[in-house]
Amino acid sequence: MTTRFCPLNMSSEEIVDYTPEWEGERFDDGRPKVSDDLLLRMREVTTTQAWGVLRGQGYEWAFEGDWMCTHPDEVLVGRALTAMYMPRRPVLRKVMEAKGEEAGCVGDQISWPIDMLVAGDVYVADVYGKIVQGPVIGDNLAVAILTNSGNGVVHDAAVRDLDGIRELEGFCSFVRGTHPTFASPTIMLAGVNCPVRIGGATCMPGDVVLGRHDGVVFVPPHLAELVVKTSELIRLRDRFGKQRIAEGKYTSGQIDRRWEDEIERDFSAWLDQHQHDLPISRAAIQELLKKRTW
């Protein structure tokens, strides 16, 4: 029987200690549990919108680009379960394997984090950009990941069996390339649910992963709601502005600068009148209207 415990986990108490800004629900393993509703709404957020909010909050290193996206027409959103790999040291790996067997972990180390995934997770693996003998994931493990999490991966290394991976609907993944070799003989699992470095970005367990064709953003859980609501407001204002320009009511110059009070009042009335046919939930629009100051 597979256990969700791994001998290299950060403890739930440590994860809580290192994510003090999050005040909401958590998994048993300590990871912040951003709501399913916010994850669903996050799917409409662009990487530029998310990055802009995070940068404004002091999170400079939350975006990573230059990926191969296995499913460029899909979007990846979920809660990060992280794994850190390092070059193999025979004795150290042997000790870890013994501890894993004692803890009830099944199979090779590369399977341990995958066995821990639950619905809504995104497997974020730091394999230090390894290409030759870098693939931890092929099409068989990809099926296991998709079955457990319903998501793809952010895999800082190559993958193998790309043809089989691309056949998996919903397995939108971000990888560094492809190679037919296999990583397990050359690496060892050094940590699970710990901070990891993915290129130039830091990812913490429980971060909301947002992956689109132009890159990946790691959203700290306490900022997920702000990112979503900011994106929704931007999309509403864009739709209103374009409509009013097309109608000839305002010029592009009036819309492309800070709006005057008259335009803000018009936007508020427009929200009130169109809340049934806008691509944002009525509840979210009502919240915006309650906060209006014009």
C-alpha atoms as a PDB file:
ATOM      1  CA  MET A   1       0.000   0.000   0.000  1.00  0.00           C
ATOM      2  CA  THR A   2       1.382   3.409  -0.976  1.00  0.00           C
ATOM      3  CA  THR A   3       1.930   5.944   1.773  1.00  0.00           C
ATOM      4  CA  ARG A   4       1.792   9.698   1.359  1.00  0.00           C
ATOM      5  CA  PHE A   5       4.730  10.069   3.756  1.00  0.00           C
ATOM      6  CA  CYS A   6       8.222  10.593   2.363  1.00  0.00           C
ATOM      7  CA  PRO A   7      11.273  10.578   4.695  1.00  0.00           C
ATOM      8  CA  LEU A   8      12.517  13.791   3.081  1.00  0.00           C
ATOM      9  CA  ASN A   9       9.358  15.846   3.569  1.00  0.00           C
ATOM     10  CA  MET A  10       9.355  19.177   5.266  1.00  0.00           C
ATOM     11  CA  SER A  11       7.095  18.666   8.270  1.00  0.00           C
ATOM     12  CA  SER A  12       3.664  20.246   8.277  1.00  0.00           C
ATOM     13  CA  GLU A  13       4.835  22.518  11.089  1.00  0.00           C
ATOM     14  CA  GLU A  14       7.806  23.701   9.014  1.00  0.00           C
ATOM     15  CA  ILE A  15       5.595  24.458   6.010  1.00  0.00           C
ATOM     16  CA  VAL A  16       3.286  26.491   8.258  1.00  0.00           C
ATOM     17  CA  ASP A  17       6.300  28.351   9.667  1.00  0.00           C
ATOM     18  CA  TYR A  18       7.586  29.238   6.208  1.00  0.00           C
ATOM     19  CA  THR A  19       4.204  30.362   4.812  1.00  0.00           C
ATOM     20  CA  PRO A  20       3.045  32.686   7.618  1.00  0.00           C
ATOM     21  CA  GLU A  21       1.093  35.050   5.331  1.00  0.00           C
ATOM     22  CA  TRP A  22      -1.476  32.354   4.547  1.00  0.00           C
ATOM     23  CA  GLU A  23      -4.364  32.349   7.035  1.00  0.00           C
ATOM     24  CA  GLY A  24      -6.744  30.007   5.247  1.00  0.00           C
ATOM     25  CA  GLU A  25      -7.326  26.267   5.016  1.00  0.00           C
ATOM     26  CA  ARG A  26      -4.372  23.874   4.772  1.00  0.00           C
ATOM     27  CA  PHE A  27      -3.783  20.261   3.751  1.00  0.00           C
ATOM     28  CA  ASP A  28      -2.735  17.767   6.401  1.00  0.00           C
ATOM     29  CA  ASP A  29       0.833  18.122   5.102  1.00  0.00           C
ATOM     30  CA  GLY A  30       0.759  21.847   5.946  1.00  0.00           C
ATOM     31  CA  ARG A  31       0.478  23.200   2.425  1.00  0.00           C
ATOM     32  CA  PRO A  32      -1.836  26.185   1.945  1.00  0.00           C
ATOM     33  CA  LYS A  33      -5.058  25.101   0.228  1.00  0.00           C
ATOM     34  CA  VAL A  34      -6.220  27.868  -2.081  1.00  0.00           C
ATOM     35  CA  SER A  35      -9.889  27.283  -2.891  1.00  0.00           C
ATOM     36  CA  ASP A  36     -11.047  25.451  -6.008  1.00  0.00           C
ATOM     37  CA  ASP A  37     -13.070  28.542  -6.963  1.00  0.00           C
ATOM     38  CA  LEU A  38      -9.951  30.722  -7.060  1.00  0.00           C
ATOM     39  CA  LEU A  39      -8.077  28.070  -9.050  1.00  0.00           C
ATOM     40  CA  LEU A  40     -10.892  28.014 -11.606  1.00  0.00           C
ATOM     41  CA  ARG A  41     -10.867  31.816 -11.900  1.00  0.00           C
ATOM     42  CA  MET A  42      -7.056  31.812 -12.103  1.00  0.00           C
ATOM     43  CA  ARG A  43      -7.287  29.974 -15.432  1.00  0.00           C
ATOM     44  CA  GLU A  44      -8.348  33.235 -17.096  1.00  0.00           C
ATOM     45  CA  VAL A  45      -5.419  35.248 -15.691  1.00  0.00           C
ATOM     46  CA  THR A  46      -2.549  36.052 -18.052  1.00  0.00           C
ATOM     47  CA  THR A  47       1.070  35.659 -16.987  1.00  0.00           C
ATOM     48  CA  THR A  48       1.578  39.412 -17.482  1.00  0.00           C
ATOM     49  CA  GLN A  49      -1.326  40.266 -15.193  1.00  0.00           C
ATOM     50  CA  ALA A  50      -0.164  37.850 -12.490  1.00  0.00           C
ATOM     51  CA  TRP A  51       3.462  38.960 -12.706  1.00  0.00           C
ATOM     52  CA  GLY A  52       2.451  42.617 -12.490  1.00  0.00           C
ATOM     53  CA  VAL A  53       0.574  42.070  -9.223  1.00  0.00           C
ATOM     54  CA  LEU A  54       3.354  39.956  -7.682  1.00  0.00           C
ATOM     55  CA  ARG A  55       6.082  42.400  -8.661  1.00  0.00           C
ATOM     56  CA  GLY A  56       4.067  45.195  -7.100  1.00  0.00           C
ATOM     57  CA  GLN A  57       3.930  43.190  -3.869  1.00  0.00           C
ATOM     58  CA  GLY A  58       7.711  42.675  -3.803  1.00  0.00           C
ATOM     59  CA  TYR A  59       7.861  39.208  -5.381  1.00  0.00           C
ATOM     60  CA  GLU A  60      10.463  39.875  -8.083  1.00  0.00           C
ATOM     61  CA  TRP A  61      11.380  36.264  -8.857  1.00  0.00           C
ATOM     62  CA  ALA A  62       8.076  34.537  -9.509  1.00  0.00           C
ATOM     63  CA  PHE A  63       8.138  34.122 -13.320  1.00  0.00           C
ATOM     64  CA  GLU A  64      10.134  31.673 -15.433  1.00  0.00           C
ATOM     65  CA  GLY A  65      10.076  31.528 -19.229  1.00  0.00           C
ATOM     66  CA  ASP A  66      11.943  29.649 -21.992  1.00  0.00           C
ATOM     67  CA  TRP A  67       9.979  26.419 -21.651  1.00  0.00           C
ATOM     68  CA  MET A  68       8.810  23.763 -24.035  1.00  0.00           C
ATOM     69  CA  CYS A  69       5.060  23.545 -23.431  1.00  0.00           C
ATOM     70  CA  THR A  70       3.696  20.088 -24.239  1.00  0.00           C
ATOM     71  CA  HIS A  71       0.139  21.386 -24.740  1.00  0.00           C
ATOM     72  CA  PRO A  72       0.439  25.036 -25.843  1.00  0.00           C
ATOM     73  CA  ASP A  73      -3.315  25.477 -26.312  1.00  0.00           C
ATOM     74  CA  GLU A  74      -4.049  24.493 -22.696  1.00  0.00           C
ATOM     75  CA  VAL A  75      -3.519  26.239 -19.351  1.00  0.00           C
ATOM     76  CA  LEU A  76      -1.925  24.744 -16.240  1.00  0.00           C
ATOM     77  CA  VAL A  77      -3.300  25.814 -12.848  1.00  0.00           C
ATOM     78  CA  GLY A  78      -2.980  24.094  -9.481  1.00  0.00           C
ATOM     79  CA  ARG A  79      -1.341  23.950  -6.070  1.00  0.00           C
ATOM     80  CA  ALA A  80       2.368  23.147  -6.059  1.00  0.00           C
ATOM     81  CA  LEU A  81       3.753  19.935  -4.629  1.00  0.00           C
ATOM     82  CA  THR A  82       7.505  20.387  -4.937  1.00  0.00           C
ATOM     83  CA  ALA A  83      10.390  17.972  -5.313  1.00  0.00           C
ATOM     84  CA  MET A  84      14.122  18.691  -5.373  1.00  0.00           C
ATOM     85  CA  TYR A  85      16.620  16.389  -7.042  1.00  0.00           C
ATOM     86  CA  MET A  86      20.421  16.447  -6.861  1.00  0.00           C
ATOM     87  CA  PRO A  87      23.275  14.552  -8.559  1.00  0.00           C
ATOM     88  CA  ARG A  88      23.511  11.072  -7.116  1.00  0.00           C
ATOM     89  CA  ARG A  89      25.843  10.134  -4.224  1.00  0.00           C
ATOM     90  CA  PRO A  90      25.701   6.333  -3.905  1.00  0.00           C
ATOM     91  CA  VAL A  91      25.866   6.005  -0.107  1.00  0.00           C
ATOM     92  CA  LEU A  92      23.495   8.909   0.527  1.00  0.00           C
ATOM     93  CA  ARG A  93      20.969   7.524  -1.924  1.00  0.00           C
ATOM     94  CA  LYS A  94      21.252   4.067  -0.342  1.00  0.00           C
ATOM     95  CA  VAL A  95      20.477   5.517   3.091  1.00  0.00           C
ATOM     96  CA  MET A  96      17.470   7.411   1.711  1.00  0.00           C
ATOM     97  CA  GLU A  97      16.175   4.292  -0.009  1.00  0.00           C
ATOM     98  CA  ALA A  98      16.363   2.393   3.278  1.00  0.00           C
ATOM     99  CA  LYS A  99      14.492   5.154   5.079  1.00  0.00           C
ATOM    100  CA  GLY A 100      11.914   5.225   2.305  1.00  0.00           C
ATOM    101  CA  GLU A 101      11.340   1.493   2.525  1.00  0.00           C
ATOM    102  CA  GLU A 102      10.955   1.769   6.288  1.00  0.00           C
ATOM    103  CA  ALA A 103       8.382   4.557   5.803  1.00  0.00           C
ATOM    104  CA  GLY A 104       6.409   2.466   3.318  1.00  0.00           C
ATOM    105  CA  CYS A 105       7.410   4.288   0.131  1.00  0.00           C
ATOM    106  CA  VAL A 106       6.985   2.099  -2.963  1.00  0.00           C
ATOM    107  CA  GLY A 107       9.302   1.757  -5.946  1.00  0.00           C
ATOM    108  CA  ASP A 108      12.044   4.069  -7.126  1.00  0.00           C
ATOM    109  CA  GLN A 109      12.500   7.484  -5.504  1.00  0.00           C
ATOM    110  CA  ILE A 110      11.111   9.242  -8.559  1.00  0.00           C
ATOM    111  CA  SER A 111       7.714   7.686  -7.786  1.00  0.00           C
ATOM    112  CA  TRP A 112       7.515   8.896  -4.185  1.00  0.00           C
ATOM    113  CA  PRO A 113       6.380  12.497  -4.877  1.00  0.00           C
ATOM    114  CA  ILE A 114       4.009  11.276  -7.580  1.00  0.00           C
ATOM    115  CA  ASP A 115       2.317   8.935  -5.083  1.00  0.00           C
ATOM    116  CA  MET A 116       1.721  11.951  -2.811  1.00  0.00           C
ATOM    117  CA  LEU A 117      -0.194  14.007  -5.401  1.00  0.00           C
ATOM    118  CA  VAL A 118      -3.874  14.747  -4.853  1.00  0.00           C
ATOM    119  CA  ALA A 119      -6.496  16.336  -7.088  1.00  0.00           C
ATOM    120  CA  GLY A 120      -5.632  19.923  -7.975  1.00  0.00           C
ATOM    121  CA  ASP A 121      -1.893  19.566  -7.356  1.00  0.00           C
ATOM    122  CA  VAL A 122       0.830  20.493  -9.826  1.00  0.00           C
ATOM    123  CA  TYR A 123       4.050  18.498  -9.559  1.00  0.00           C
ATOM    124  CA  VAL A 124       6.922  21.031  -9.595  1.00  0.00           C
ATOM    125  CA  ALA A 125      10.270  19.230  -9.930  1.00  0.00           C
ATOM    126  CA  ASP A 126      13.688  20.874  -9.691  1.00  0.00           C
ATOM    127  CA  VAL A 127      16.012  18.612 -11.666  1.00  0.00           C
ATOM    128  CA  TYR A 128      18.489  21.462 -12.208  1.00  0.00           C
ATOM    129  CA  GLY A 129      17.747  21.798 -15.926  1.00  0.00           C
ATOM    130  CA  LYS A 130      19.191  18.382 -16.776  1.00  0.00           C
ATOM    131  CA  ILE A 131      18.766  17.260 -20.393  1.00  0.00           C
ATOM    132  CA  VAL A 132      20.951  14.168 -21.009  1.00  0.00           C
ATOM    133  CA  GLN A 133      19.869  11.630 -18.374  1.00  0.00           C
ATOM    134  CA  GLY A 134      17.481  14.290 -17.156  1.00  0.00           C
ATOM    135  CA  PRO A 135      14.075  12.719 -17.837  1.00  0.00           C
ATOM    136  CA  VAL A 136      12.392  11.751 -14.597  1.00  0.00           C
ATOM    137  CA  ILE A 137       9.070  11.627 -16.450  1.00  0.00           C
ATOM    138  CA  GLY A 138       7.993   9.539 -19.442  1.00  0.00           C
ATOM    139  CA  ASP A 139       4.534   8.676 -20.671  1.00  0.00           C
ATOM    140  CA  ASN A 140       3.884   6.005 -17.995  1.00  0.00           C
ATOM    141  CA  LEU A 141       4.656   8.293 -15.058  1.00  0.00           C
ATOM    142  CA  ALA A 142       2.783  11.066 -16.856  1.00  0.00           C
ATOM    143  CA  VAL A 143      -0.354   8.894 -16.735  1.00  0.00           C
ATOM    144  CA  ALA A 144       0.180   8.369 -12.995  1.00  0.00           C
ATOM    145  CA  ILE A 145       0.624  12.108 -12.414  1.00  0.00           C
ATOM    146  CA  LEU A 146      -2.486  12.957 -14.426  1.00  0.00           C
ATOM    147  CA  THR A 147      -4.504  10.270 -12.639  1.00  0.00           C
ATOM    148  CA  ASN A 148      -3.518  11.507  -9.168  1.00  0.00           C
ATOM    149  CA  SER A 149      -3.613  15.270  -9.728  1.00  0.00           C
ATOM    150  CA  GLY A 150      -5.668  15.902 -12.862  1.00  0.00           C
ATOM    151  CA  ASN A 151      -2.819  18.173 -13.989  1.00  0.00           C
ATOM    152  CA  GLY A 152       0.480  18.318 -15.791  1.00  0.00           C
ATOM    153  CA  VAL A 153       3.877  19.297 -14.391  1.00  0.00           C
ATOM    154  CA  VAL A 154       6.531  21.968 -14.226  1.00  0.00           C
ATOM    155  CA  HIS A 155       9.632  19.872 -14.800  1.00  0.00           C
ATOM    156  CA  ASP A 156      12.975  21.663 -14.811  1.00  0.00           C
ATOM    157  CA  ALA A 157      14.624  19.015 -16.975  1.00  0.00           C
ATOM    158  CA  ALA A 158      13.950  17.046 -20.121  1.00  0.00           C
ATOM    159  CA  VAL A 159      11.202  14.449 -20.493  1.00  0.00           C
ATOM    160  CA  ARG A 160      11.053  11.337 -22.622  1.00  0.00           C
ATOM    161  CA  ASP A 161       8.273   9.688 -24.658  1.00  0.00           C
ATOM    162  CA  LEU A 162       6.939  13.067 -25.794  1.00  0.00           C
ATOM    163  CA  ASP A 163       4.579  11.510 -28.341  1.00  0.00           C
ATOM    164  CA  GLY A 164       2.815   9.599 -25.578  1.00  0.00           C
ATOM    165  CA  ILE A 165       2.766  12.636 -23.285  1.00  0.00           C
ATOM    166  CA  ARG A 166       1.143  14.800 -25.950  1.00  0.00           C
ATOM    167  CA  GLU A 167      -1.673  12.278 -26.292  1.00  0.00           C
ATOM    168  CA  LEU A 168      -2.737  12.932 -22.677  1.00  0.00           C
ATOM    169  CA  GLU A 169      -5.508  15.511 -22.728  1.00  0.00           C
ATOM    170  CA  GLY A 170      -5.223  17.857 -19.754  1.00  0.00           C
ATOM    171  CA  PHE A 171      -1.529  17.135 -19.160  1.00  0.00           C
ATOM    172  CA  CYS A 172      -0.364  20.663 -19.984  1.00  0.00           C
ATOM    173  CA  SER A 173       3.280  20.645 -18.892  1.00  0.00           C
ATOM    174  CA  PHE A 174       6.355  22.858 -18.969  1.00  0.00           C
ATOM    175  CA  VAL A 175       9.678  21.111 -19.593  1.00  0.00           C
ATOM    176  CA  ARG A 176      13.189  22.015 -20.765  1.00  0.00           C
ATOM    177  CA  GLY A 177      13.291  19.689 -23.744  1.00  0.00           C
ATOM    178  CA  THR A 178      13.281  16.010 -24.618  1.00  0.00           C
ATOM    179  CA  HIS A 179      15.818  13.202 -24.492  1.00  0.00           C
ATOM    180  CA  PRO A 180      15.475   9.408 -24.766  1.00  0.00           C
ATOM    181  CA  THR A 181      17.703   8.721 -21.738  1.00  0.00           C
ATOM    182  CA  PHE A 182      16.524   8.032 -18.186  1.00  0.00           C
ATOM    183  CA  ALA A 183      17.471  10.078 -15.116  1.00  0.00           C
ATOM    184  CA  SER A 184      17.120   7.680 -12.195  1.00  0.00           C
ATOM    185  CA  PRO A 185      20.658   6.189 -12.246  1.00  0.00           C
ATOM    186  CA  THR A 186      22.224   9.675 -12.039  1.00  0.00           C
ATOM    187  CA  ILE A 187      20.046  11.570  -9.533  1.00  0.00           C
ATOM    188  CA  MET A 188      18.609  11.302  -6.057  1.00  0.00           C
ATOM    189  CA  LEU A 189      15.569  12.807  -4.386  1.00  0.00           C
ATOM    190  CA  ALA A 190      16.807  15.427  -1.913  1.00  0.00           C
ATOM    191  CA  GLY A 191      13.537  16.934  -0.722  1.00  0.00           C
ATOM    192  CA  VAL A 192       9.758  16.935  -1.070  1.00  0.00           C
ATOM    193  CA  ASN A 193       7.445  19.821  -0.208  1.00  0.00           C
ATOM    194  CA  CYS A 194      10.422  22.097   0.307  1.00  0.00           C
ATOM    195  CA  PRO A 195      11.404  25.393  -1.358  1.00  0.00           C
ATOM    196  CA  VAL A 196      12.762  24.776  -4.869  1.00  0.00           C
ATOM    197  CA  ARG A 197      14.484  26.926  -7.462  1.00  0.00           C
ATOM    198  CA  ILE A 198      12.983  26.678 -10.932  1.00  0.00           C
ATOM    199  CA  GLY A 199      15.342  28.597 -13.193  1.00  0.00           C
ATOM    200  CA  GLY A 200      15.262  32.135 -11.849  1.00  0.00           C
ATOM    201  CA  ALA A 201      12.138  31.665  -9.733  1.00  0.00           C
ATOM    202  CA  THR A 202      11.415  30.329  -6.257  1.00  0.00           C
ATOM    203  CA  CYS A 203       8.466  27.992  -5.682  1.00  0.00           C
ATOM    204  CA  MET A 204       7.074  27.048  -2.284  1.00  0.00           C
ATOM    205  CA  PRO A 205       4.789  24.088  -1.564  1.00  0.00           C
ATOM    206  CA  GLY A 206       1.208  25.300  -1.889  1.00  0.00           C
ATOM    207  CA  ASP A 207       2.005  28.108  -4.344  1.00  0.00           C
ATOM    208  CA  VAL A 208      -0.580  28.476  -7.102  1.00  0.00           C
ATOM    209  CA  VAL A 209       1.074  27.492 -10.375  1.00  0.00           C
ATOM    210  CA  LEU A 210      -0.110  29.400 -13.452  1.00  0.00           C
ATOM    211  CA  GLY A 211       1.343  28.098 -16.707  1.00  0.00           C
ATOM    212  CA  ARG A 212       0.475  29.506 -20.106  1.00  0.00           C
ATOM    213  CA  HIS A 213       2.186  29.292 -23.490  1.00  0.00           C
ATOM    214  CA  ASP A 214       4.434  32.255 -22.585  1.00  0.00           C
ATOM    215  CA  GLY A 215       5.732  30.931 -19.251  1.00  0.00           C
ATOM    216  CA  VAL A 216       5.022  29.963 -15.659  1.00  0.00           C
ATOM    217  CA  VAL A 217       4.184  32.142 -12.652  1.00  0.00           C
ATOM    218  CA  PHE A 218       4.353  30.888  -9.055  1.00  0.00           C
ATOM    219  CA  VAL A 219       1.725  32.810  -7.080  1.00  0.00           C
ATOM    220  CA  PRO A 220       2.136  32.882  -3.271  1.00  0.00           C
ATOM    221  CA  PRO A 221      -1.176  31.592  -1.896  1.00  0.00           C
ATOM    222  CA  HIS A 222      -1.954  34.705   0.142  1.00  0.00           C
ATOM    223  CA  LEU A 223      -1.824  36.754  -3.086  1.00  0.00           C
ATOM    224  CA  ALA A 224      -3.929  34.419  -5.245  1.00  0.00           C
ATOM    225  CA  GLU A 225      -7.184  36.266  -4.564  1.00  0.00           C
ATOM    226  CA  LEU A 226      -5.594  39.654  -5.320  1.00  0.00           C
ATOM    227  CA  VAL A 227      -4.172  38.318  -8.593  1.00  0.00           C
ATOM    228  CA  VAL A 228      -7.543  36.929  -9.675  1.00  0.00           C
ATOM    229  CA  LYS A 229      -9.565  40.008  -8.750  1.00  0.00           C
ATOM    230  CA  THR A 230      -7.061  42.368 -10.375  1.00  0.00           C
ATOM    231  CA  SER A 231      -7.186  40.341 -13.582  1.00  0.00           C
ATOM    232  CA  GLU A 232     -10.983  40.315 -13.570  1.00  0.00           C
ATOM    233  CA  LEU A 233     -11.119  44.087 -13.112  1.00  0.00           C
ATOM    234  CA  ILE A 234      -8.595  44.620 -15.925  1.00  0.00           C
ATOM    235  CA  ARG A 235     -10.639  42.438 -18.282  1.00  0.00           C
ATOM    236  CA  LEU A 236     -13.866  44.281 -17.434  1.00  0.00           C
ATOM    237  CA  ARG A 237     -12.270  47.695 -17.886  1.00  0.00           C
ATOM    238  CA  ASP A 238     -10.743  46.594 -21.199  1.00  0.00           C
ATOM    239  CA  ARG A 239     -14.107  45.405 -22.490  1.00  0.00           C
ATOM    240  CA  PHE A 240     -15.846  48.588 -21.395  1.00  0.00           C
ATOM    241  CA  GLY A 241     -13.126  50.801 -22.841  1.00  0.00           C
ATOM    242  CA  LYS A 242     -13.099  49.100 -26.228  1.00  0.00           C
ATOM    243  CA  GLN A 243     -16.876  49.239 -26.428  1.00  0.00           C
ATOM    244  CA  ARG A 244     -16.992  52.950 -25.626  1.00  0.00           C
ATOM    245  CA  ILE A 245     -14.233  53.721 -28.147  1.00  0.00           C
ATOM    246  CA  ALA A 246     -16.127  51.769 -30.845  1.00  0.00           C
ATOM    247  CA  GLU A 247     -19.284  53.700 -29.975  1.00  0.00           C
ATOM    248  CA  GLY A 248     -17.399  56.982 -30.327  1.00  0.00           C
ATOM    249  CA  LYS A 249     -18.247  58.053 -26.794  1.00  0.00           C
ATOM    250  CA  TYR A 250     -14.602  58.367 -25.716  1.00  0.00           C
ATOM    251  CA  THR A 251     -11.323  58.637 -27.569  1.00  0.00           C
ATOM    252  CA  SER A 252      -8.483  56.165 -27.179  1.00  0.00           C
ATOM    253  CA  GLY A 253      -6.538  58.932 -25.456  1.00  0.00           C
ATOM    254  CA  GLN A 254      -9.232  59.249 -22.795  1.00  0.00           C
ATOM    255  CA  ILE A 255      -9.330  55.494 -22.207  1.00  0.00           C
ATOM    256  CA  ASP A 256      -5.570  54.885 -22.267  1.00  0.00           C
ATOM    257  CA  ARG A 257      -4.836  57.254 -19.393  1.00  0.00           C
ATOM    258  CA  ARG A 258      -6.113  57.511 -15.842  1.00  0.00           C
ATOM    259  CA  TRP A 259      -9.900  57.707 -16.170  1.00  0.00           C
ATOM    260  CA  GLU A 260     -11.704  60.883 -15.238  1.00  0.00           C
ATOM    261  CA  ASP A 261     -14.542  60.686 -12.699  1.00  0.00           C
ATOM    262  CA  GLU A 262     -17.133  60.838 -15.477  1.00  0.00           C
ATOM    263  CA  ILE A 263     -15.734  57.690 -17.114  1.00  0.00           C
ATOM    264  CA  GLU A 264     -15.485  55.894 -13.764  1.00  0.00           C
ATOM    265  CA  ARG A 265     -19.153  56.634 -13.098  1.00  0.00           C
ATOM    266  CA  ASP A 266     -20.042  55.415 -16.572  1.00  0.00           C
ATOM    267  CA  PHE A 267     -18.059  52.207 -15.974  1.00  0.00           C
ATOM    268  CA  SER A 268     -19.880  51.610 -12.689  1.00  0.00           C
ATOM    269  CA  ALA A 269     -23.272  52.024 -14.372  1.00  0.00           C
ATOM    270  CA  TRP A 270     -22.143  49.769 -17.240  1.00  0.00           C
ATOM    271  CA  LEU A 271     -21.216  47.028 -14.755  1.00  0.00           C
ATOM    272  CA  ASP A 272     -24.638  47.331 -13.140  1.00  0.00           C
ATOM    273  CA  GLN A 273     -26.411  47.045 -16.503  1.00  0.00           C
ATOM    274  CA  HIS A 274     -24.308  44.212 -17.990  1.00  0.00           C
ATOM    275  CA  GLN A 275     -23.611  41.888 -15.074  1.00  0.00           C
ATOM    276  CA  HIS A 276     -25.704  39.116 -16.681  1.00  0.00           C
ATOM    277  CA  ASP A 277     -23.649  38.970 -19.904  1.00  0.00           C
ATOM    278  CA  LEU A 278     -20.078  39.531 -18.720  1.00  0.00           C
ATOM    279  CA  PRO A 279     -17.382  36.802 -18.516  1.00  0.00           C
ATOM    280  CA  ILE A 280     -16.988  37.396 -14.769  1.00  0.00           C
ATOM    281  CA  SER A 281     -19.268  35.908 -12.111  1.00  0.00           C
ATOM    282  CA  ARG A 282     -22.115  38.094 -10.852  1.00  0.00           C
ATOM    283  CA  ALA A 283     -20.774  37.666  -7.314  1.00  0.00           C
ATOM    284  CA  ALA A 284     -17.393  39.098  -8.326  1.00  0.00           C
ATOM    285  CA  ILE A 285     -19.061  42.032 -10.106  1.00  0.00           C
ATOM    286  CA  GLN A 286     -21.292  42.726  -7.105  1.00  0.00           C
ATOM    287  CA  GLU A 287     -18.194  42.826  -4.918  1.00  0.00           C
ATOM    288  CA  LEU A 288     -16.633  45.393  -7.253  1.00  0.00           C
ATOM    289  CA  LEU A 289     -19.788  47.488  -7.174  1.00  0.00           C
ATOM    290  CA  LYS A 290     -19.893  47.429  -3.373  1.00  0.00           C
ATOM    291  CA  LYS A 291     -16.351  48.803  -3.249  1.00  0.00           C
ATOM    292  CA  ARG A 292     -16.933  51.602  -5.738  1.00  0.00           C
ATOM    293  CA  THR A 293     -16.185  55.067  -4.501  1.00  0.00           C
ATOM    294  CA  TRP A 294     -17.529  57.057  -7.462  1.00  0.00           C
END
